Amino acid sequence: MPLKGKIQPDHIPVNKFTLKPLGLIDIVFITMSGLEKELEVVDLPDRTKESGGNTKAGEFTATTALHHEAEMAALNLWFKANQDPVLPVAKIPCTLTMESITGNIVKSIALLGVQITKKKFPDLDMNNEGELAVVEWTFAFDDFADV
């Protein structure tokens, strides 16, 4: 089925997004994996499933440019807050915003209980042509809601 004429104008592209952690600077990632919300379900003896009513905690990964000093500093502070002794600001709420092509439409997702659980520096290779060095961050969250 052709899509021509089916998609409304001023779409939201996948390359126009910002994470806004409460109390930190806005973070513009290079890449970010999709968010998933999954219900806890139980398998019944009749081979059907039943919802337990709760959603599972989730995680996502995102990358930042190694040379973006302000973003790296903010993310490193947040990561440090999650190390022993874990600080009360280790898990913070965030808002993920996505803008349409013109900026007239903004969609937001409220993320609750977000913390950084891992950071990974890039593999290094002297034979590389000089591509951008990025740091991959893994985030855990308790829940999220479309706003």
Protein backbone atom coordinates (compact mmCIF):
# COMPACT_ATOMS: atom_id res chain seq x y z
CA MET A 1 0.00 0.00 0.00
CA PRO A 2 1.58 3.33 -1.03
CA LEU A 3 2.07 5.96 1.66
CA LYS A 4 1.81 8.95 -0.63
CA GLY A 5 -0.87 11.27 0.72
CA LYS A 6 -1.24 9.24 3.93
CA ILE A 7 1.44 10.91 6.06
CA GLN A 8 0.41 14.32 7.37
CA PRO A 9 2.77 17.25 6.72
CA ASP A 10 5.38 18.51 9.25
CA HIS A 11 6.44 15.06 10.42
CA ILE A 12 8.69 14.41 13.40
CA PRO A 13 12.08 13.19 12.15
CA VAL A 14 14.23 10.75 14.12
CA ASN A 15 17.16 13.21 14.13
CA LYS A 16 15.62 16.08 16.11
CA PHE A 17 15.56 15.13 19.79
CA THR A 18 16.93 16.31 23.15
CA LEU A 19 17.10 14.73 26.61
CA LYS A 20 16.44 17.21 29.40
CA PRO A 21 17.55 15.78 32.77
CA LEU A 22 16.23 17.74 35.75
CA GLY A 23 19.03 19.88 37.18
CA LEU A 24 21.52 19.24 34.35
CA ILE A 25 22.11 20.80 30.95
CA ASP A 26 20.10 19.56 27.97
CA ILE A 27 21.86 16.63 26.29
CA VAL A 28 21.88 16.32 22.51
CA PHE A 29 22.79 12.75 21.67
CA ILE A 30 24.15 11.52 18.35
CA THR A 31 22.17 8.29 18.61
CA MET A 32 19.61 6.95 21.06
CA SER A 33 17.96 3.56 21.12
CA GLY A 34 14.18 3.34 21.25
CA LEU A 35 12.25 3.27 24.51
CA GLU A 36 10.23 0.18 25.32
CA LYS A 37 7.42 -0.17 27.85
CA GLU A 38 6.54 -3.76 28.65
CA LEU A 39 3.85 -5.17 30.91
CA GLU A 40 4.71 -7.86 33.41
CA VAL A 41 2.69 -10.91 32.39
CA VAL A 42 2.26 -14.41 33.76
CA ASP A 43 1.85 -17.60 31.79
CA LEU A 44 -1.31 -19.45 32.78
CA PRO A 45 -1.72 -23.24 32.70
CA ASP A 46 -4.00 -22.97 29.65
CA ARG A 47 -1.03 -21.42 27.74
CA THR A 48 -2.55 -17.93 27.72
CA LYS A 49 -1.01 -14.85 29.28
CA GLU A 50 -2.45 -12.53 31.90
CA SER A 51 -1.25 -9.04 32.77
CA GLY A 52 0.17 -8.54 36.23
CA GLY A 53 -0.81 -4.87 35.93
CA ASN A 54 2.69 -3.45 36.38
CA THR A 55 5.25 -2.40 33.80
CA LYS A 56 8.88 -3.46 33.83
CA ALA A 57 11.72 -1.03 34.31
CA GLY A 58 13.61 -0.38 31.08
CA GLU A 59 16.84 0.82 29.61
CA PHE A 60 18.20 2.63 26.58
CA THR A 61 21.59 3.48 25.16
CA ALA A 62 22.76 6.77 23.73
CA THR A 63 25.99 8.19 22.34
CA THR A 64 27.69 11.56 22.75
CA ALA A 65 30.69 13.02 20.98
CA LEU A 66 33.80 12.61 23.13
CA HIS A 67 34.88 16.20 22.45
CA HIS A 68 31.58 17.77 23.65
CA GLU A 69 32.98 18.86 26.99
CA ALA A 70 29.85 20.31 28.65
CA GLU A 71 27.72 17.25 27.88
CA MET A 72 30.53 14.86 28.91
CA ALA A 73 30.99 16.73 32.20
CA ALA A 74 27.27 16.62 33.01
CA LEU A 75 26.99 12.91 32.15
CA ASN A 76 30.12 12.09 34.15
CA LEU A 77 28.71 13.90 37.22
CA TRP A 78 25.46 11.97 36.86
CA PHE A 79 27.34 8.68 36.47
CA LYS A 80 29.48 9.49 39.52
CA ALA A 81 26.31 10.15 41.58
CA ASN A 82 25.34 6.50 40.97
CA GLN A 83 28.61 5.15 42.40
CA ASP A 84 29.29 4.39 46.06
CA PRO A 85 28.19 6.32 48.02
CA VAL A 86 25.09 6.64 45.83
CA LEU A 87 23.73 10.19 46.08
CA PRO A 88 20.03 11.12 46.34
CA VAL A 89 20.35 12.79 42.90
CA ALA A 90 21.48 9.53 41.25
CA LYS A 91 18.02 8.80 39.81
CA ILE A 92 16.44 11.85 38.26
CA PRO A 93 13.43 12.58 36.07
CA CYS A 94 14.06 13.54 32.45
CA THR A 95 12.04 14.77 29.52
CA LEU A 96 12.76 13.53 26.03
CA THR A 97 11.55 16.03 23.44
CA MET A 98 11.17 15.44 19.72
CA GLU A 99 10.40 18.29 17.31
CA SER A 100 8.74 18.31 13.93
CA ILE A 101 10.52 19.60 10.83
CA THR A 102 9.26 23.16 11.38
CA GLY A 103 9.43 23.02 15.18
CA ASN A 104 5.68 23.68 15.40
CA ILE A 105 4.95 20.22 16.85
CA VAL A 106 6.78 19.02 19.94
CA LYS A 107 6.22 15.58 21.46
CA SER A 108 7.50 14.87 24.95
CA ILE A 109 8.10 11.72 26.92
CA ALA A 110 8.50 11.97 30.70
CA LEU A 111 11.07 9.46 31.99
CA LEU A 112 11.01 8.65 35.70
CA GLY A 113 13.85 7.36 37.86
CA VAL A 114 16.57 7.64 35.22
CA GLN A 115 20.14 6.70 36.08
CA ILE A 116 23.32 5.96 34.16
CA THR A 117 24.45 2.38 34.62
CA LYS A 118 27.36 2.12 32.17
CA LYS A 119 29.63 4.13 29.93
CA LYS A 120 31.79 2.75 27.13
CA PHE A 121 34.59 4.58 25.38
CA PRO A 122 35.18 3.91 21.68
CA ASP A 123 37.41 1.24 20.24
CA LEU A 124 40.58 2.87 18.93
CA ASP A 125 42.31 2.03 15.66
CA MET A 126 45.31 3.75 14.06
CA ASN A 127 44.10 2.54 10.64
CA ASN A 128 40.83 4.46 10.99
CA GLU A 129 40.28 7.43 8.65
CA GLY A 130 39.41 9.72 11.58
CA GLU A 131 35.73 9.12 12.25
CA LEU A 132 34.09 10.79 15.24
CA ALA A 133 34.94 9.33 18.68
CA VAL A 134 31.75 8.72 20.66
CA VAL A 135 31.01 7.51 24.17
CA GLU A 136 28.11 5.08 24.62
CA TRP A 137 26.01 5.52 27.77
CA THR A 138 23.54 2.99 29.14
CA PHE A 139 20.58 4.40 31.07
CA ALA A 140 18.04 2.59 33.24
CA PHE A 141 14.60 4.04 33.97
CA ASP A 142 11.70 3.09 36.22
CA ASP A 143 8.88 4.17 33.91
CA PHE A 144 7.93 6.59 31.15
CA ALA A 145 4.79 8.32 29.97
CA ASP A 146 3.87 10.03 26.71
CA VAL A 147 2.99 13.61 27.60
